Each structure stands twice: as C-alpha cells, then as structure tokens.
Protein backbone atom coordinates (compact mmCIF):
# COMPACT_ATOMS: atom_id res chain seq x y z
CA MET A 1 -16.78 1.46 -11.97
CA ASN A 2 -17.67 4.90 -13.05
CA ASN A 3 -15.93 6.90 -10.45
CA ILE A 4 -12.92 4.63 -10.20
CA THR A 5 -12.83 6.21 -13.94
CA GLY A 6 -13.28 9.45 -13.12
CA ILE A 7 -10.59 8.92 -9.44
CA GLY A 8 -8.45 7.43 -13.07
CA MET A 9 -9.06 10.76 -15.18
CA ASN A 10 -8.05 13.17 -12.52
CA VAL A 11 -4.96 11.40 -11.46
CA LEU A 12 -4.33 11.56 -15.20
CA THR A 13 -5.64 15.31 -15.42
CA PHE A 14 -2.90 15.76 -11.48
CA LEU A 15 0.21 14.26 -13.48
CA GLY A 16 -0.05 16.21 -16.92
CA GLY A 17 -0.51 19.63 -14.96
CA LEU A 18 2.54 17.84 -13.14
CA GLY A 19 4.36 17.08 -16.59
CA LEU A 20 2.99 21.22 -17.52
CA PHE A 21 4.80 22.76 -14.63
CA LEU A 22 8.59 20.69 -14.64
CA TYR A 23 8.27 21.79 -18.23
CA GLY A 24 7.57 24.72 -18.70
CA VAL A 25 10.44 25.62 -15.20
CA ARG A 26 13.31 23.91 -18.06
CA VAL A 27 12.34 26.10 -20.97
CA THR A 28 12.00 29.29 -19.02
CA SER A 29 15.12 28.06 -17.22
CA ASN A 30 16.95 27.42 -20.42
CA GLY A 31 15.44 30.48 -21.82
CA LEU A 32 16.26 32.99 -19.86
CA GLN A 33 20.05 30.83 -19.34
CA ASN A 34 20.71 31.66 -22.96
CA PHE A 35 19.73 35.40 -22.69
CA ALA A 36 21.91 35.96 -19.38
CA ALA A 37 24.60 33.92 -18.72
CA GLN A 38 26.59 35.23 -20.97
CA LYS A 39 26.29 38.44 -19.08
CA LEU A 40 26.48 37.39 -15.61
CA ARG A 41 30.58 37.67 -15.88
CA SER A 42 30.63 40.63 -16.09
CA VAL A 43 27.70 42.19 -13.66
CA LEU A 44 29.21 38.70 -10.88
CA GLN A 45 32.76 40.96 -10.85
CA SER A 46 31.34 44.30 -9.39
CA VAL A 47 28.24 43.05 -7.37
CA THR A 48 30.26 40.18 -5.29
CA LYS A 49 32.69 41.78 -3.57
CA ARG A 50 31.09 41.46 0.24
CA THR A 51 30.07 38.20 0.53
CA THR A 52 26.20 39.87 1.68
CA VAL A 53 26.17 41.25 -2.02
CA ALA A 54 26.67 37.39 -2.70
CA VAL A 55 23.19 36.14 -1.08
CA ILE A 56 21.55 38.52 -2.94
CA PHE A 57 23.17 38.05 -6.36
CA GLY A 58 22.13 34.24 -5.69
CA MET A 59 18.82 35.37 -5.05
CA ILE A 60 18.52 36.76 -8.49
CA MET A 61 19.83 35.00 -10.36
CA THR A 62 17.80 31.36 -9.09
CA VAL A 63 14.68 33.66 -10.35
CA ALA A 64 16.17 34.21 -13.70
CA PHE A 65 17.17 31.04 -13.70
CA GLN A 66 14.31 28.66 -12.18
CA SER A 67 16.89 26.20 -10.77
CA SER A 68 19.08 26.88 -7.84
CA ALA A 69 20.64 23.77 -9.13
CA ALA A 70 21.75 25.76 -12.32
CA THR A 71 23.25 28.60 -9.82
CA THR A 72 25.06 25.91 -8.02
CA VAL A 73 26.96 25.19 -11.08
CA LEU A 74 27.34 28.59 -12.23
CA THR A 75 28.90 29.36 -8.70
CA VAL A 76 31.10 26.81 -9.11
CA GLU A 77 32.69 27.67 -12.60
CA PHE A 78 33.32 31.08 -11.23
CA VAL A 79 34.91 29.56 -7.97
CA ASN A 80 36.86 27.70 -10.65
CA THR A 81 38.40 31.03 -12.36
CA GLY A 82 38.98 32.82 -9.33
CA MET A 83 36.26 35.04 -9.95
CA LEU A 84 34.86 33.88 -6.13
CA ASN A 85 36.13 32.16 -3.15
CA LEU A 86 34.60 29.40 -1.53
CA ALA A 87 33.04 31.89 1.12
CA GLN A 88 31.62 34.01 -1.72
CA ALA A 89 30.49 30.79 -3.28
CA LEU A 90 28.73 29.68 0.02
CA GLY A 91 26.40 33.25 0.42
CA ILE A 92 25.10 32.36 -3.20
CA VAL A 93 24.50 28.88 -2.84
CA LEU A 94 21.89 30.73 0.61
CA GLY A 95 20.72 32.99 -1.36
CA SER A 96 19.58 30.64 -4.17
CA ALA A 97 17.45 29.15 -1.82
CA VAL A 98 15.95 32.57 -1.33
CA GLY A 99 15.91 33.08 -4.61
CA THR A 100 13.68 30.00 -5.06
CA SER A 101 11.10 31.22 -2.22
CA ILE A 102 11.00 34.37 -4.59
CA THR A 103 9.26 31.92 -7.21
CA VAL A 104 7.25 29.92 -5.16
CA GLN A 105 5.28 33.26 -3.91
CA LEU A 106 4.69 33.85 -7.31
CA LEU A 107 2.57 30.72 -7.76
CA ALA A 108 0.91 31.89 -4.45
CA PHE A 109 -0.69 34.20 -7.30
CA LYS A 110 -3.62 33.99 -8.57
CA MET A 111 -2.31 34.74 -11.87
CA LEU A 112 -3.70 31.82 -14.96
CA PRO A 113 -4.76 35.15 -17.71
CA ILE A 114 -1.53 36.91 -17.21
CA ALA A 115 0.83 33.29 -17.89
CA LEU A 116 -1.20 33.20 -20.71
CA GLY A 117 -0.62 36.68 -21.78
CA PHE A 118 3.00 35.97 -21.00
CA VAL A 119 2.50 32.85 -23.41
CA PHE A 120 1.68 35.22 -26.25
CA MET A 121 3.95 37.47 -25.94
CA GLY A 122 6.92 34.92 -26.07
CA PHE A 123 5.23 33.47 -28.76
CA ILE A 124 4.85 36.82 -30.79
CA LEU A 125 8.91 37.17 -29.87
CA GLN A 126 10.04 34.05 -31.35
CA LEU A 127 7.73 34.94 -34.53
CA THR A 128 8.87 38.21 -35.54
CA VAL A 129 12.20 38.71 -33.49
CA LYS A 130 15.77 38.38 -35.39
CA THR A 131 17.60 38.31 -32.97
CA GLN A 132 18.67 34.94 -31.65
CA ARG A 133 18.99 37.03 -27.77
CA MET A 134 15.07 37.92 -28.49
CA LYS A 135 14.28 34.26 -28.84
CA HIS A 136 15.65 33.43 -25.36
CA LEU A 137 13.87 35.25 -23.99
CA GLY A 138 10.34 34.87 -25.86
CA GLN A 139 11.42 31.08 -24.78
CA GLY A 140 11.26 31.85 -21.21
CA LEU A 141 8.11 34.34 -21.48
CA ILE A 142 6.41 31.02 -23.08
CA GLY A 143 7.79 28.19 -20.37
CA PHE A 144 6.68 30.92 -17.57
CA GLY A 145 3.33 30.85 -19.03
CA ILE A 146 3.07 27.17 -19.40
CA ILE A 147 4.35 27.41 -15.36
CA PHE A 148 0.66 28.64 -14.25
CA VAL A 149 -1.12 26.21 -16.79
CA GLY A 150 0.24 22.75 -14.98
CA MET A 151 -0.48 24.31 -11.92
CA ALA A 152 -3.93 25.60 -12.69
CA THR A 153 -4.14 21.76 -13.91
CA MET A 154 -2.63 20.31 -10.21
CA SER A 155 -5.23 22.74 -8.70
CA ASP A 156 -8.01 22.21 -10.47
CA ALA A 157 -7.08 17.99 -10.27
CA SER A 158 -6.03 17.76 -6.46
CA GLN A 159 -9.52 18.22 -5.01
CA PRO A 160 -11.32 15.19 -6.09
CA LEU A 161 -7.69 12.92 -5.40
CA SER A 162 -9.59 13.64 -1.43
CA GLN A 163 -12.55 10.81 -2.28
CA ILE A 164 -9.46 8.41 -2.62
CA PRO A 165 -9.28 6.78 0.49
CA GLU A 166 -5.86 5.60 0.60
CA VAL A 167 -4.12 9.22 -0.54
CA TYR A 168 -6.73 10.61 2.31
CA TYR A 169 -5.06 8.22 5.05
CA PHE A 170 -1.39 8.34 3.66
CA LEU A 171 -1.67 12.37 3.64
CA GLY A 172 -3.98 12.50 7.31
CA SER A 173 -0.70 10.23 8.00
CA LEU A 174 1.44 13.07 7.04
CA GLU A 175 -0.09 15.43 9.76
CA LYS A 176 0.42 12.96 12.61
CA ASN A 177 4.27 12.07 11.62
CA PRO A 178 5.83 15.27 10.62
CA ILE A 179 9.78 13.51 10.83
CA LEU A 180 7.83 10.66 7.77
CA ALA A 181 6.60 13.90 6.12
CA VAL A 182 10.33 14.91 6.38
CA LEU A 183 10.93 12.12 4.52
CA VAL A 184 8.53 12.23 2.00
CA GLY A 185 9.40 16.23 1.33
CA ILE A 186 13.24 14.74 0.62
CA LEU A 187 12.44 11.71 -1.29
CA MET A 188 9.65 13.39 -3.55
CA THR A 189 11.87 16.58 -4.19
CA ALA A 190 14.80 14.95 -5.12
CA VAL A 191 13.23 12.68 -7.54
CA ILE A 192 10.88 14.74 -9.50
CA GLN A 193 14.79 17.26 -9.31
CA SER A 194 12.59 20.21 -8.96
CA SER A 195 11.54 22.89 -5.41
CA PRO A 196 9.38 24.54 -7.31
CA ALA A 197 7.22 21.56 -8.51
CA MET A 198 7.01 19.68 -5.26
CA PHE A 199 5.90 22.75 -3.74
CA ALA A 200 3.20 23.40 -6.74
CA ILE A 201 1.82 19.37 -5.89
CA MET A 202 1.83 20.96 -1.88
CA MET A 203 0.00 24.44 -3.16
CA SER A 204 -2.45 22.14 -4.91
CA LEU A 205 -3.91 19.69 -2.55
CA ALA A 206 -4.02 22.35 0.61
CA THR A 207 -6.34 25.12 -1.53
CA ASN A 208 -8.77 21.81 -1.89
CA GLY A 209 -7.58 21.07 1.89
CA VAL A 210 -6.57 17.99 0.90
CA LEU A 211 -3.33 18.76 3.15
CA SER A 212 -3.19 20.31 5.82
CA LEU A 213 -0.33 23.53 7.32
CA GLN A 214 0.75 20.77 9.88
CA ALA A 215 1.31 18.70 7.20
CA ILE A 216 3.22 21.36 5.18
CA ILE A 217 5.97 22.76 7.43
CA PRO A 218 7.79 19.23 7.94
CA LEU A 219 7.26 19.01 4.06
CA VAL A 220 8.40 22.26 3.56
CA LEU A 221 11.65 21.05 5.34
CA GLY A 222 11.95 18.28 3.94
CA ALA A 223 12.16 20.11 -0.14
CA HIS A 224 14.82 22.14 0.92
CA THR A 225 17.06 19.38 1.55
CA GLY A 226 15.61 17.47 -1.14
CA GLY A 227 16.35 19.82 -3.10
CA THR A 228 19.96 19.38 -3.23
CA VAL A 229 20.55 16.01 -3.23
CA THR A 230 21.00 15.94 -7.12
CA THR A 231 23.94 19.06 -6.41
CA LEU A 232 25.55 16.81 -4.32
CA PHE A 233 25.79 13.95 -6.18
CA SER A 234 26.33 15.92 -9.26
CA GLY A 235 28.95 17.64 -6.67
CA ILE A 236 30.62 14.47 -5.03
CA ALA A 237 31.76 13.56 -8.91
CA ALA A 238 32.87 16.76 -9.77
CA PRO A 239 36.51 16.73 -10.11
CA ASN A 240 36.83 19.90 -8.16
CA MET A 241 37.23 19.83 -5.03
CA ASP A 242 35.59 23.19 -3.98
CA ALA A 243 32.74 21.72 -5.87
CA ARG A 244 32.32 19.07 -3.80
CA ARG A 245 32.27 21.43 -1.16
CA THR A 246 30.11 23.69 -2.26
CA ALA A 247 27.88 20.63 -2.58
CA ILE A 248 28.29 19.10 0.97
CA ALA A 249 27.78 22.41 2.67
CA ASN A 250 24.77 23.05 0.90
CA MET A 251 22.93 19.69 1.36
CA GLY A 252 24.29 20.14 5.13
CA GLN A 253 23.13 23.43 5.86
CA LYS A 254 19.54 22.53 5.05
CA VAL A 255 20.24 19.35 7.32
CA LEU A 256 21.09 21.42 10.08
CA GLY A 257 18.30 24.08 9.91
CA THR A 258 15.97 21.74 9.30
CA ILE A 259 16.91 19.80 13.29
CA LEU A 260 17.66 23.64 14.73
CA VAL A 261 13.60 24.31 13.76
CA TRP A 262 12.90 21.11 14.58
CA PRO A 263 11.97 21.28 18.08
CA PHE A 264 10.08 24.86 17.64
CA LEU A 265 8.27 23.37 14.93
CA THR A 266 4.66 23.74 16.14
CA GLN A 267 5.67 27.70 16.95
CA PHE A 268 6.87 27.63 13.54
CA THR A 269 3.70 26.43 11.91
CA ASN A 270 1.82 29.31 14.09
CA LEU A 271 4.27 31.86 12.74
CA VAL A 272 3.16 30.85 9.13
CA ALA A 273 -0.60 30.80 9.82
CA TRP A 274 -0.21 33.73 11.62
CA THR A 275 1.56 35.40 8.14
CA SER A 276 -1.68 34.71 5.61
CA THR A 277 -5.09 33.16 6.10
CA ASP A 278 -4.93 31.83 2.21
CA VAL A 279 -2.91 28.54 2.29
CA GLN A 280 -1.25 28.60 -1.04
CA ARG A 281 0.49 31.92 0.37
CA GLN A 282 1.21 29.96 3.79
CA VAL A 283 3.28 27.30 1.59
CA ALA A 284 5.22 29.62 -0.14
CA ASN A 285 5.36 31.72 3.50
CA ALA A 286 6.98 28.82 4.85
CA HIS A 287 9.49 28.23 2.31
CA LEU A 288 10.74 31.69 2.59
CA LEU A 289 11.07 31.91 6.41
CA PHE A 290 13.22 28.72 6.57
CA SER A 291 15.50 30.27 3.80
CA LEU A 292 15.92 33.57 5.64
CA PHE A 293 16.02 31.91 8.88
CA MET A 294 19.05 30.10 6.65
CA VAL A 295 20.73 33.44 5.48
CA ILE A 296 20.54 34.08 9.57
CA ILE A 297 22.64 31.60 11.07
CA PHE A 298 25.15 30.38 8.62
CA LEU A 299 26.04 34.08 6.42
CA PRO A 300 28.25 35.40 9.87
CA PHE A 301 29.45 31.95 10.14
CA ASN A 302 30.73 31.44 5.83
CA SER A 303 33.50 32.17 5.82
CA VAL A 304 34.67 29.94 8.84
CA LEU A 305 32.40 27.08 7.32
CA ALA A 306 35.17 27.75 4.19
CA LYS A 307 38.31 27.52 5.95
CA ALA A 308 36.87 24.14 7.68
CA LEU A 309 35.59 22.81 4.95
CA VAL A 310 39.16 22.88 3.42
CA LYS A 311 40.71 21.44 6.12
CA ILE A 312 38.22 19.18 6.23
CA PHE A 313 38.10 18.19 2.57
CA PRO A 314 41.47 19.00 1.64
CA ASP A 315 42.56 19.27 -2.18
CA ARG A 316 43.28 15.66 -3.48
CA GLN A 317 47.13 13.92 -4.08
CA LYS A 318 46.96 14.37 -7.97
CA HIS A 319 48.08 10.68 -9.02
CA GLY A 320 50.54 11.25 -12.77
CA ASP A 321 48.93 7.68 -13.63
CA GLU A 322 45.12 8.51 -13.31
CA PRO A 323 44.43 10.68 -15.88
CA ALA A 324 41.50 13.06 -14.70
CA PHE A 325 39.25 16.27 -16.23
CA GLN A 326 40.47 19.55 -14.38
CA TYR A 327 37.68 21.74 -15.23
CA ILE A 328 34.93 19.64 -16.70
CA ASP A 329 32.68 19.18 -14.55
CA THR A 330 29.25 16.81 -15.62
CA ALA A 331 26.95 19.08 -13.40
CA ALA A 332 27.79 21.74 -16.33
CA LEU A 333 25.43 19.47 -18.39
CA ARG A 334 22.77 21.83 -16.85
CA LEU A 335 23.86 25.13 -18.09
CA PRO A 336 25.31 24.69 -22.08
CA SER A 337 26.98 28.70 -21.48
CA VAL A 338 29.31 27.02 -18.78
CA GLY A 339 30.13 23.23 -20.41
CA LEU A 340 31.46 24.54 -23.09
CA LYS A 341 33.39 27.22 -21.69
CA GLN A 342 35.28 23.95 -19.72
CA VAL A 343 35.25 22.00 -22.68
CA ARG A 344 37.29 25.27 -24.15
CA GLN A 345 39.58 25.30 -20.98
CA GLU A 346 39.98 21.35 -20.81
CA THR A 347 41.05 21.80 -24.83
CA VAL A 348 43.09 24.53 -24.44
CA ALA A 349 45.11 22.31 -20.85
CA LEU A 350 45.20 19.66 -23.14
CA GLY A 351 47.31 21.71 -25.81
CA ARG A 352 50.36 22.91 -23.40
CA PHE A 353 50.04 18.98 -21.92
CA ILE A 354 50.63 18.40 -24.90
CA LEU A 355 53.75 20.84 -25.02
CA ARG A 356 54.90 20.19 -21.85
CA GLU A 357 55.42 16.81 -21.68
CA MET A 358 55.54 15.34 -25.68
CA LEU A 359 56.38 18.48 -27.52
CA GLU A 360 58.89 19.39 -25.42
CA VAL A 361 60.92 16.40 -24.73
CA LEU A 362 60.55 15.12 -27.84
CA PRO A 363 64.60 15.49 -28.06
CA LEU A 364 65.43 14.49 -24.84
CA ALA A 365 63.67 10.93 -25.66
CA ALA A 366 64.59 10.57 -29.13
CA LEU A 367 67.96 11.19 -27.95
CA SER A 368 67.80 9.08 -24.96
CA SER A 369 70.49 5.76 -24.87
CA ARG A 370 68.51 4.34 -22.42
CA ARG A 371 65.20 4.69 -24.33
CA THR A 372 63.25 5.26 -21.05
CA GLU A 373 61.98 8.49 -22.49
CA MET A 374 60.05 6.92 -25.02
CA TYR A 375 57.75 4.83 -22.85
CA ASN A 376 56.55 8.24 -21.49
CA ILE A 377 56.55 9.23 -24.59
CA ASP A 378 54.23 6.63 -25.85
CA ALA A 379 52.02 6.76 -22.73
CA ARG A 380 51.33 10.47 -21.87
CA GLU A 381 50.24 9.41 -26.31
CA GLU A 382 47.54 7.43 -25.05
CA ARG A 383 46.82 10.16 -22.59
CA VAL A 384 46.04 12.37 -25.04
CA ASP A 385 43.57 9.30 -26.73
CA TRP A 386 41.79 9.50 -22.36
CA TYR A 387 41.40 13.08 -23.09
CA TYR A 388 40.20 13.31 -26.33
CA LYS A 389 37.73 10.47 -26.10
CA ASN A 390 36.26 11.49 -22.50
CA ILE A 391 36.06 14.95 -23.73
CA THR A 392 34.05 14.79 -27.35
CA SER A 393 31.75 12.12 -25.15
CA PHE A 394 31.52 15.02 -22.32
CA THR A 395 31.03 17.43 -25.27
CA VAL A 396 27.92 15.10 -27.36
CA ASP A 397 26.14 14.95 -23.89
CA LEU A 398 26.26 19.04 -23.99
CA ASN A 399 24.98 18.87 -27.56
CA LYS A 400 21.61 17.58 -26.68
CA GLN A 401 21.01 20.08 -24.38
CA GLY A 402 19.26 21.95 -26.73
CA LEU A 403 22.47 24.55 -27.90
CA THR A 404 21.91 28.08 -29.53
CA GLU A 405 23.42 28.79 -33.11
CA ASP A 406 26.33 29.67 -32.14
CA GLN A 407 26.98 27.60 -29.03
CA LEU A 408 26.80 24.99 -31.37
CA GLU A 409 28.94 26.53 -33.67
CA GLU A 410 31.83 26.59 -30.95
CA SER A 411 30.83 23.05 -29.82
CA ILE A 412 32.11 21.73 -33.11
CA ASP A 413 35.10 24.54 -33.24
CA LEU A 414 36.37 22.55 -30.25
CA GLN A 415 35.62 19.17 -31.23
CA TYR A 416 38.08 19.65 -34.85
CA ILE A 417 40.91 21.33 -32.52
CA LEU A 418 40.74 18.21 -30.25
CA LYS A 419 41.33 16.13 -32.75
CA GLU A 420 43.72 18.23 -34.44
CA PHE A 421 45.49 17.85 -30.86
CA GLU A 422 44.90 14.50 -31.20
CA ASN A 423 46.73 14.09 -34.78
CA VAL A 424 49.48 16.38 -33.07
CA ALA A 425 50.17 14.10 -30.43
CA ASP A 426 49.97 10.61 -32.70
CA ASN A 427 52.77 12.52 -34.92
CA ILE A 428 54.63 13.23 -31.58
CA ALA A 429 54.25 9.73 -30.92
CA LYS A 430 55.37 8.65 -34.77
CA VAL A 431 59.01 10.67 -34.43
CA ASN A 432 59.86 9.44 -31.03
CA SER A 433 59.60 5.39 -32.47
CA LEU A 434 60.94 6.75 -35.71
CA ALA A 435 63.99 7.90 -33.36
CA GLN A 436 64.58 4.22 -31.22
CA LYS A 437 64.73 2.50 -34.72
CA ILE A 438 68.05 3.37 -34.89
CA GLU A 439 70.87 1.49 -33.87
CA HIS A 440 73.16 4.34 -31.81
CA ARG A 441 71.57 7.50 -31.78
CA LEU A 442 70.53 9.66 -33.93
CA GLU A 443 71.63 12.65 -35.67
CA TRP A 444 69.52 15.74 -33.82
CA GLU A 445 71.70 18.65 -35.38
CA PRO A 446 70.36 18.66 -38.98
CA MET A 447 66.73 19.14 -38.09
CA GLN A 448 67.24 21.30 -35.16
CA GLU A 449 65.99 24.47 -36.73
CA ILE A 450 62.86 22.87 -38.10
CA TYR A 451 61.77 21.70 -34.47
CA ASP A 452 61.90 24.82 -33.05
CA LYS A 453 60.89 26.75 -35.93
CA VAL A 454 57.51 24.60 -34.54
CA ARG A 455 57.50 24.17 -31.58
CA GLU A 456 57.60 27.74 -31.40
CA ARG A 457 54.51 28.28 -33.53
CA PHE A 458 52.58 25.47 -31.36
CA VAL A 459 53.18 28.24 -28.46
CA SER A 460 51.87 30.86 -30.53
CA MET A 461 48.49 28.86 -31.30
CA LEU A 462 48.27 27.97 -28.30
CA GLN A 463 48.40 30.90 -27.53
CA ALA A 464 45.90 32.49 -29.60
CA LEU A 465 43.20 30.11 -29.08
CA GLU A 466 43.60 30.32 -25.03
CA GLN A 467 42.94 34.59 -25.27
CA LYS A 468 41.04 34.19 -28.50
CA ASP A 469 43.47 35.76 -30.33
CA GLU A 470 42.95 35.93 -33.95
CA ALA A 471 45.80 38.52 -34.74
CA LEU A 472 48.06 35.99 -33.64
CA ALA A 473 46.64 33.21 -35.35
CA GLY A 474 46.82 34.86 -38.11
CA LYS A 475 51.00 35.08 -38.21
CA VAL A 476 50.72 31.98 -37.65
CA ILE A 477 48.91 30.70 -40.73
CA ARG A 478 51.41 33.57 -42.61
CA GLU A 479 54.09 30.92 -41.73
CA HIS A 480 53.70 27.86 -42.47
CA PRO A 481 55.25 28.60 -45.79
CA GLU A 482 58.57 28.91 -44.11
CA ILE A 483 58.20 25.46 -42.27
CA VAL A 484 57.22 23.97 -46.23
CA ARG A 485 60.48 25.84 -47.44
CA LEU A 486 62.56 25.12 -44.42
CA LYS A 487 61.00 20.63 -44.81
CA GLN A 488 62.13 21.12 -48.59
CA ALA A 489 65.55 22.34 -47.79
CA LEU A 490 66.04 20.08 -44.87
CA GLN A 491 65.43 16.88 -47.53
CA PHE A 492 67.35 18.53 -50.11
CA ASN A 493 70.56 17.99 -48.25
CA ILE A 494 69.11 14.68 -46.92
CA TYR A 495 69.39 13.09 -50.61
CA ALA A 496 72.01 15.36 -51.49
CA GLU A 497 74.50 13.71 -49.03
CA ILE A 498 73.16 9.97 -49.78
CA PHE A 499 73.50 11.27 -53.30
CA ASN A 500 77.29 12.11 -52.60
CA GLN A 501 77.80 8.54 -49.99
CA PRO A 502 79.90 5.78 -51.97
CA GLU A 503 78.02 3.38 -53.03
CA GLY A 504 77.46 0.37 -50.17
CA SER A 505 79.03 2.49 -47.13
CA ALA A 506 78.03 3.08 -43.74
CA GLN A 507 79.91 5.42 -41.96
CA GLN A 508 79.77 6.62 -38.26
CA HIS A 509 81.12 10.34 -37.30
CA GLY A 510 81.41 11.53 -33.65
CA GLY A 511 78.74 8.37 -32.73
CA TYR A 512 75.89 8.98 -35.20
CA ASP A 513 75.18 6.71 -37.03
CA GLU A 514 74.74 7.81 -40.99
CA SER A 515 73.69 4.71 -42.75
CA PRO A 516 71.48 5.14 -45.82
CA ASP A 517 68.20 3.61 -43.47
CA THR A 518 69.43 6.38 -41.21
CA HIS A 519 68.69 9.19 -44.02
CA ALA A 520 65.00 7.78 -44.94
CA VAL A 521 64.20 8.08 -41.04
CA MET A 522 65.61 11.66 -41.01
CA ILE A 523 63.25 12.60 -44.03
CA ASP A 524 60.04 10.69 -42.30
CA ILE A 525 61.16 12.97 -39.53
CA ILE A 526 61.42 15.83 -41.24
CA ILE A 527 57.86 14.83 -42.63
CA LEU A 528 56.14 14.67 -39.33
CA PHE A 529 57.33 17.97 -38.15
CA HIS A 530 55.58 19.51 -41.20
CA SER A 531 52.48 17.32 -40.40
CA ILE A 532 52.77 18.76 -36.92
CA ASP A 533 52.72 22.35 -37.96
CA GLU A 534 49.71 22.09 -40.46
CA HIS A 535 47.73 20.74 -37.64
CA THR A 536 48.87 23.69 -35.73
CA VAL A 537 47.27 25.75 -38.74
CA ASN A 538 44.53 24.07 -38.95
CA ILE A 539 43.67 24.84 -35.32
CA ALA A 540 44.67 28.93 -36.21
CA GLN A 541 42.38 28.83 -39.27
CA VAL A 542 39.66 27.90 -36.60
CA ILE A 543 40.72 30.61 -34.35
CA PHE A 544 41.07 32.65 -37.22
CA GLY A 545 37.68 32.75 -38.18
CA ILE A 546 38.56 30.70 -41.85
CA VAL A 547 36.93 27.06 -41.39
C-alpha cells in the first residue's frame, strides 16, 4: 500500500513539474513577446533581404519567444503586410526549428541555481522598475527560471516511474517499435502543444535510465512533426492563403525530413551517441542535428517550394455574398501585438467598405427608380453587422491573453471605432430607406452639398485612422461646426418652402414630388447626414486622443 502511495506521489510530482515547466514557457513567451515584438518590424526590414538570413532571424525570434508557433504567426503577419515573400517566410519557419533546438540545448545544462537567480532578478524588476517594457522583461526572467524548476522537479520524480511495470513495458516497446515511438512523439507534442516540454519529459526520463537512446531518436522525429499540428490546424482555418501555405509547408518539411532520415535511423542514432556521453545532451543534439538537416535539405529549394505551393494551393475565389476576414487570423491570439494589428487592419478595411459600398453609392440608390440598389444597401448594412459582431468576438478573446496597458487601451479604442462604424452604416441604410418612401423620386439637389462634405470628411477620417495622423483627425474635429451650420441652413430653407407653399397643395416640378411628406423626409435625411458626421467626429476624437 505504501509503495502504491509512493508511486502515486511521484506521478503527481512529475505532473506538477510538467505544469511548472509549461507555465514557465508561457510566462517567458508572453513577457518577451511584449518586450520585443514591437521592435521586430524595423529589425526585420534590415535582416531579411536574403533567405539565408531569414533562417537566422527565425532562430533568434524562436529563442526569444520560446515558441515556434508564435514565430510562425508573426511570420505570416509579415507576409500579409508585404515585408516578406513566401520563400523568406519558409526560411524563417526552418530557422524556428533550429531556434527550438537552441532552447532544448539550454535545458540540457545543469543550471537550476542560475535559473533561481533569474527568478530573483525578474522579481526585482517587477517590483522596482516603473516602465512597462522592463516589467515585461522581468516577467520573462521569472518564467525562464520557473522552466528549470519544473525541469528539475520532473527529473527527480522520473526515476521511481521505472518501477511501475506498465510504464517500464510501454517505454521498452518504444525501443523495439520505432514507428510507435514516432506516433507517440507526434501525439504527445500535439496534446501538450509545446515542443520544449516534450523534450524536457524525454530528458527527465532518459536521465534516470527510463528511456533509451534507441527510443529517444524516433520520439525526437515525432516531436518535430507534432509541434506543427497546432499551427497546421490554425493555418488551415486562416483567411490568408499564405498562412495556409506556410503551415502546410512547415508540417510537410518535418514529415518528409523524417522519411528521408528513416532508412538511416541506426546511423543517425550512432551519430547522436558520438556527440556526447550525457544522455540529456544527446536528446538536445538529436533535435539540433535533425533541424540542421532540414535546413540543409530544404533551404536551397525554398523559392521553388514557394512557387509550387502557390500553384498547388491557389488564392481562393472570393464570393461577394460570403463575408470573411481579410486580415484577422485566430492563430494571432498567441501573439497579442500581431492580433491587435490585425484588428486595426480589419477595422480600417470595414471603414473603407462602408465608404465604397454604401456611402458612395447612396445617391444612386436613393434616386434609383428601379429600387434595386436599395436591397444592396440593406445587404451591405447586414455585412457590416457581421464584421462588427465577429471582430468584437475576436477582440474579446484577444483581451483574455493578458494584454499590456497600452495594448488594452488600443483594444478599447478599436472597439469604440467599430461601434461608430456600425452606427454610420445604420444611418446610411436609414437614409436609403427614407428615400424609398417617396412615391416618385427624391429631390437630391438640396442635399448634395451636405452629402459631399460629409463624404469628404469621412474619407479624411479614414486616412487619419490608417496613418494614425492626429493632425488630420484634428482638422476633421474642427470642421464639424460647418456641418452643423449647413444642416441648420438647409432645414431653415425647407421649413420656409413649406411655409410659403399654398395650403393643401401638392405640386410636382421636373418630375420630383414636392408634397409636405417629401419635405419631412428631406429634413430627416439631413439630420441623418449630420448624425453620420457626428460619428465621424467621434472616431476622429479617438485618433486625436480626446476620447
């Protein structure tokens, strides 16, 4: 009974160590992402002119973020913005595997005392430094230390696990059945969603003789492929085709690399054994050698592979009746700085859709005798509602990822802007609906001036939003009283016309209905144009920093 209790306690201790390790990886990744992600854009522009340099950048970025998945997400974002082509992106993804190897190499060092020192240093930074960026660095240092605490805990608890007959039999079968070991490596890494964690488990078991090198090598190959599973699923669901191509190529390279190495598994195992007598270092070297092998094999053909991917997976045909994100990718939830940028891009795109597909076609819709445009306006307003709902949902999920104060403020600003865009679309639809109430045709000429000015100011606001131009936003705010005066003047003219019209008359001139009901509709439309401009000013105030 005591033996069973002891084994149970060791299992719990091992799982607790794994939990600490995973938590440390997450804390380190979040802290260093927030510390460095904003600087990557300028660095990237100078170092990725050549594909070979892109590999080095992928290595550095993965070590910094402690996540090859975060590297892949950020790489796809750079492709979206035109800073990278697909071939360079594939180079960064290859480099990310080597970057993970460097992390695994660090795990092989006996540096628990140093790691605890990092925890103390990180705590001091968190406690004493006022700048948000340095606090993120402190967070990263604390997480880095916790990684090695978890590693040591797993190592201490793994030795008694060999005394469990089922564990001993299962791990022994991995040595005899390398295909099973590959499958186990894929499955475990996909479930844990962390390649470094999988290698930490292997190191802990190998240190105490629970896992042999003959079982470790196929597990390493499987872990390489398993680390791409999550990225593949998120990439397939991504709206951007380059995201799909990158995710597919990432997994395809790992699978093909495993197939190429498989006939030489014995020789590869002997090579790993020759590199070191330390079993933990052997695990790390196995990962590194396989990563370097993939770089050597695939890097020279990156451009060819990129062209083949475009041909095999062509850009999807867009259907006008199917709303879909242009920029947002759910995989970006792992990297808040990228996710926020995608929300901003999607918000600007929504504003341009409202301008192009609703505001600019409004006169044609209002004056159409066939009334066909009316239904398009209504359908487009529903499309705006879809974007508002789904962008908001993504932003809510993003807010749960532990944003910085600056990121949270930007998220709130973008949510406010989204709501204002929805209000603008609602008002445009209302204008169109009111215009359709006129029995013949609406007299548009009296409203042309206010429409033109409202449209011009909406265009200026969009430009200010896209370029973060506070000066242009300020100009939009200052010119709003002109719209107020124009609204009042137009209303006064219509009221004067109603007052001067003979009682009971309902005349038509030039085919336009001039009944009292028409005047009322025109007044309501003018009020709606003024309301559209108010929402435009509200957005400009956010850009300017007033709200």
